[in-house]
């Protein structure tokens, strides 16, 4: 794998992380989300909303972990991109 291919892949996943962040933020700004978040829900509707809200928070947690890994990979790449090829992980 060349450094160019790696750079392209890293840029792609950085873009993916950015798009996911934008979509999650858009969801939180959606009028339906805000209505449910601010409403005094009861019964089954409240239970379903609480489950959905927990899942959304988990999505943020997963996104943050994903974005951190991407940024670390980019940092590693920026610190050590010498030569034309990546080292062979299995020199046999």
C-alpha atoms as a PDB file:
ATOM      1  CA  UNK A   1       0.000   0.000   0.000  1.00  0.00           C
ATOM      2  CA  UNK A   2       1.408   3.388  -0.910  1.00  0.00           C
ATOM      3  CA  UNK A   3       1.341   6.476   1.294  1.00  0.00           C
ATOM      4  CA  UNK A   4      -0.955   8.082  -1.273  1.00  0.00           C
ATOM      5  CA  UNK A   5      -3.516   5.289  -0.875  1.00  0.00           C
ATOM      6  CA  UNK A   6      -3.265   5.561   2.903  1.00  0.00           C
ATOM      7  CA  UNK A   7      -3.695   9.337   2.801  1.00  0.00           C
ATOM      8  CA  UNK A   8      -6.757   8.932   0.590  1.00  0.00           C
ATOM      9  CA  UNK A   9      -8.257   6.372   2.992  1.00  0.00           C
ATOM     10  CA  UNK A  10      -7.562   8.563   6.028  1.00  0.00           C
ATOM     11  CA  UNK A  11      -9.159  11.556   4.339  1.00  0.00           C
ATOM     12  CA  UNK A  12     -12.173   9.398   3.507  1.00  0.00           C
ATOM     13  CA  UNK A  13     -12.733   8.233   7.063  1.00  0.00           C
ATOM     14  CA  UNK A  14     -12.158  11.767   8.384  1.00  0.00           C
ATOM     15  CA  UNK A  15     -14.929  12.885   6.040  1.00  0.00           C
ATOM     16  CA  UNK A  16     -17.130  10.042   7.268  1.00  0.00           C
ATOM     17  CA  UNK A  17     -16.601  11.119  10.884  1.00  0.00           C
ATOM     18  CA  UNK A  18     -17.480  14.706   9.989  1.00  0.00           C
ATOM     19  CA  UNK A  19     -20.645  13.664   8.156  1.00  0.00           C
ATOM     20  CA  UNK A  20     -21.762  11.482  11.062  1.00  0.00           C
ATOM     21  CA  UNK A  21     -21.209  14.374  13.498  1.00  0.00           C
ATOM     22  CA  UNK A  22     -23.243  16.709  11.300  1.00  0.00           C
ATOM     23  CA  UNK A  23     -26.107  14.177  11.018  1.00  0.00           C
ATOM     24  CA  UNK A  24     -26.221  13.591  14.776  1.00  0.00           C
ATOM     25  CA  UNK A  25     -26.233  17.339  15.418  1.00  0.00           C
ATOM     26  CA  UNK A  26     -28.992  17.773  12.814  1.00  0.00           C
ATOM     27  CA  UNK A  27     -31.038  15.115  14.562  1.00  0.00           C
ATOM     28  CA  UNK A  28     -30.715  16.915  17.890  1.00  0.00           C
ATOM     29  CA  UNK A  29     -31.849  20.160  16.240  1.00  0.00           C
ATOM     30  CA  UNK A  30     -34.847  18.538  14.545  1.00  0.00           C
ATOM     31  CA  UNK A  31     -38.160  19.942  15.764  1.00  0.00           C
ATOM     32  CA  UNK A  32     -39.528  16.441  16.450  1.00  0.00           C
ATOM     33  CA  UNK A  33     -36.532  15.551  18.600  1.00  0.00           C
ATOM     34  CA  UNK A  34     -36.807  18.801  20.525  1.00  0.00           C
ATOM     35  CA  UNK A  35     -40.541  18.342  21.014  1.00  0.00           C
ATOM     36  CA  UNK A  36     -40.061  14.865  22.457  1.00  0.00           C
ATOM     37  CA  UNK A  37     -37.079  15.942  24.567  1.00  0.00           C
ATOM     38  CA  UNK A  38     -38.995  18.835  26.126  1.00  0.00           C
ATOM     39  CA  UNK A  39     -42.377  17.119  26.472  1.00  0.00           C
ATOM     40  CA  UNK A  40     -43.729  15.676  29.713  1.00  0.00           C
ATOM     41  CA  UNK A  41     -44.214  12.186  28.313  1.00  0.00           C
ATOM     42  CA  UNK A  42     -45.956   9.354  30.152  1.00  0.00           C
ATOM     43  CA  UNK A  43     -46.410   5.610  29.813  1.00  0.00           C
ATOM     44  CA  UNK A  44     -45.162   3.722  26.802  1.00  0.00           C
ATOM     45  CA  UNK A  45     -44.271   6.893  24.911  1.00  0.00           C
ATOM     46  CA  UNK A  46     -41.964   7.969  27.731  1.00  0.00           C
ATOM     47  CA  UNK A  47     -40.328   4.521  27.872  1.00  0.00           C
ATOM     48  CA  UNK A  48     -39.737   4.474  24.113  1.00  0.00           C
ATOM     49  CA  UNK A  49     -38.360   8.005  24.181  1.00  0.00           C
ATOM     50  CA  UNK A  50     -35.986   7.171  27.040  1.00  0.00           C
ATOM     51  CA  UNK A  51     -34.674   4.168  25.103  1.00  0.00           C
ATOM     52  CA  UNK A  52     -34.256   6.253  21.950  1.00  0.00           C
ATOM     53  CA  UNK A  53     -32.472   9.003  23.877  1.00  0.00           C
ATOM     54  CA  UNK A  54     -30.055   6.483  25.409  1.00  0.00           C
ATOM     55  CA  UNK A  55     -29.326   5.121  21.932  1.00  0.00           C
ATOM     56  CA  UNK A  56     -28.636   8.589  20.589  1.00  0.00           C
ATOM     57  CA  UNK A  57     -26.177   9.243  23.415  1.00  0.00           C
ATOM     58  CA  UNK A  58     -24.491   5.925  22.590  1.00  0.00           C
ATOM     59  CA  UNK A  59     -24.194   6.993  18.955  1.00  0.00           C
ATOM     60  CA  UNK A  60     -22.399  10.140  20.109  1.00  0.00           C
ATOM     61  CA  UNK A  61     -20.082   8.035  22.270  1.00  0.00           C
ATOM     62  CA  UNK A  62     -19.276   5.688  19.381  1.00  0.00           C
ATOM     63  CA  UNK A  63     -18.788   8.643  17.040  1.00  0.00           C
ATOM     64  CA  UNK A  64     -16.416  10.335  19.480  1.00  0.00           C
ATOM     65  CA  UNK A  65     -14.355   7.150  19.797  1.00  0.00           C
ATOM     66  CA  UNK A  66     -14.295   6.717  15.997  1.00  0.00           C
ATOM     67  CA  UNK A  67     -13.254  10.349  15.450  1.00  0.00           C
ATOM     68  CA  UNK A  68     -10.500  10.019  18.056  1.00  0.00           C
ATOM     69  CA  UNK A  69      -9.069   6.920  16.354  1.00  0.00           C
ATOM     70  CA  UNK A  70      -9.168   8.677  12.982  1.00  0.00           C
ATOM     71  CA  UNK A  71      -7.388  11.748  14.353  1.00  0.00           C
ATOM     72  CA  UNK A  72      -4.749   9.587  16.045  1.00  0.00           C
ATOM     73  CA  UNK A  73      -4.147   7.695  12.796  1.00  0.00           C
ATOM     74  CA  UNK A  74      -3.766  10.980  10.925  1.00  0.00           C
ATOM     75  CA  UNK A  75      -1.345  12.225  13.578  1.00  0.00           C
ATOM     76  CA  UNK A  76       0.731   9.043  13.324  1.00  0.00           C
ATOM     77  CA  UNK A  77       0.750   9.367   9.543  1.00  0.00           C
ATOM     78  CA  UNK A  78       1.882  12.993   9.744  1.00  0.00           C
ATOM     79  CA  UNK A  79       4.764  12.061  12.058  1.00  0.00           C
ATOM     80  CA  UNK A  80       6.167   9.154  10.073  1.00  0.00           C
ATOM     81  CA  UNK A  81       5.491   9.309   6.372  1.00  0.00           C
ATOM     82  CA  UNK A  82       8.964   8.603   5.038  1.00  0.00           C
ATOM     83  CA  UNK A  83       9.529   6.773   1.760  1.00  0.00           C
ATOM     84  CA  UNK A  84       7.155   5.558  -0.943  1.00  0.00           C
ATOM     85  CA  UNK A  85       5.641   2.460   0.656  1.00  0.00           C
ATOM     86  CA  UNK A  86       4.327   1.450   4.041  1.00  0.00           C
ATOM     87  CA  UNK A  87       6.400  -1.134   5.900  1.00  0.00           C
ATOM     88  CA  UNK A  88       5.359  -4.700   5.162  1.00  0.00           C
ATOM     89  CA  UNK A  89       3.508  -5.946   8.270  1.00  0.00           C
ATOM     90  CA  UNK A  90       4.519  -9.560   7.573  1.00  0.00           C
ATOM     91  CA  UNK A  91       8.016  -9.680   6.100  1.00  0.00           C
ATOM     92  CA  UNK A  92       8.320 -13.368   5.266  1.00  0.00           C
END
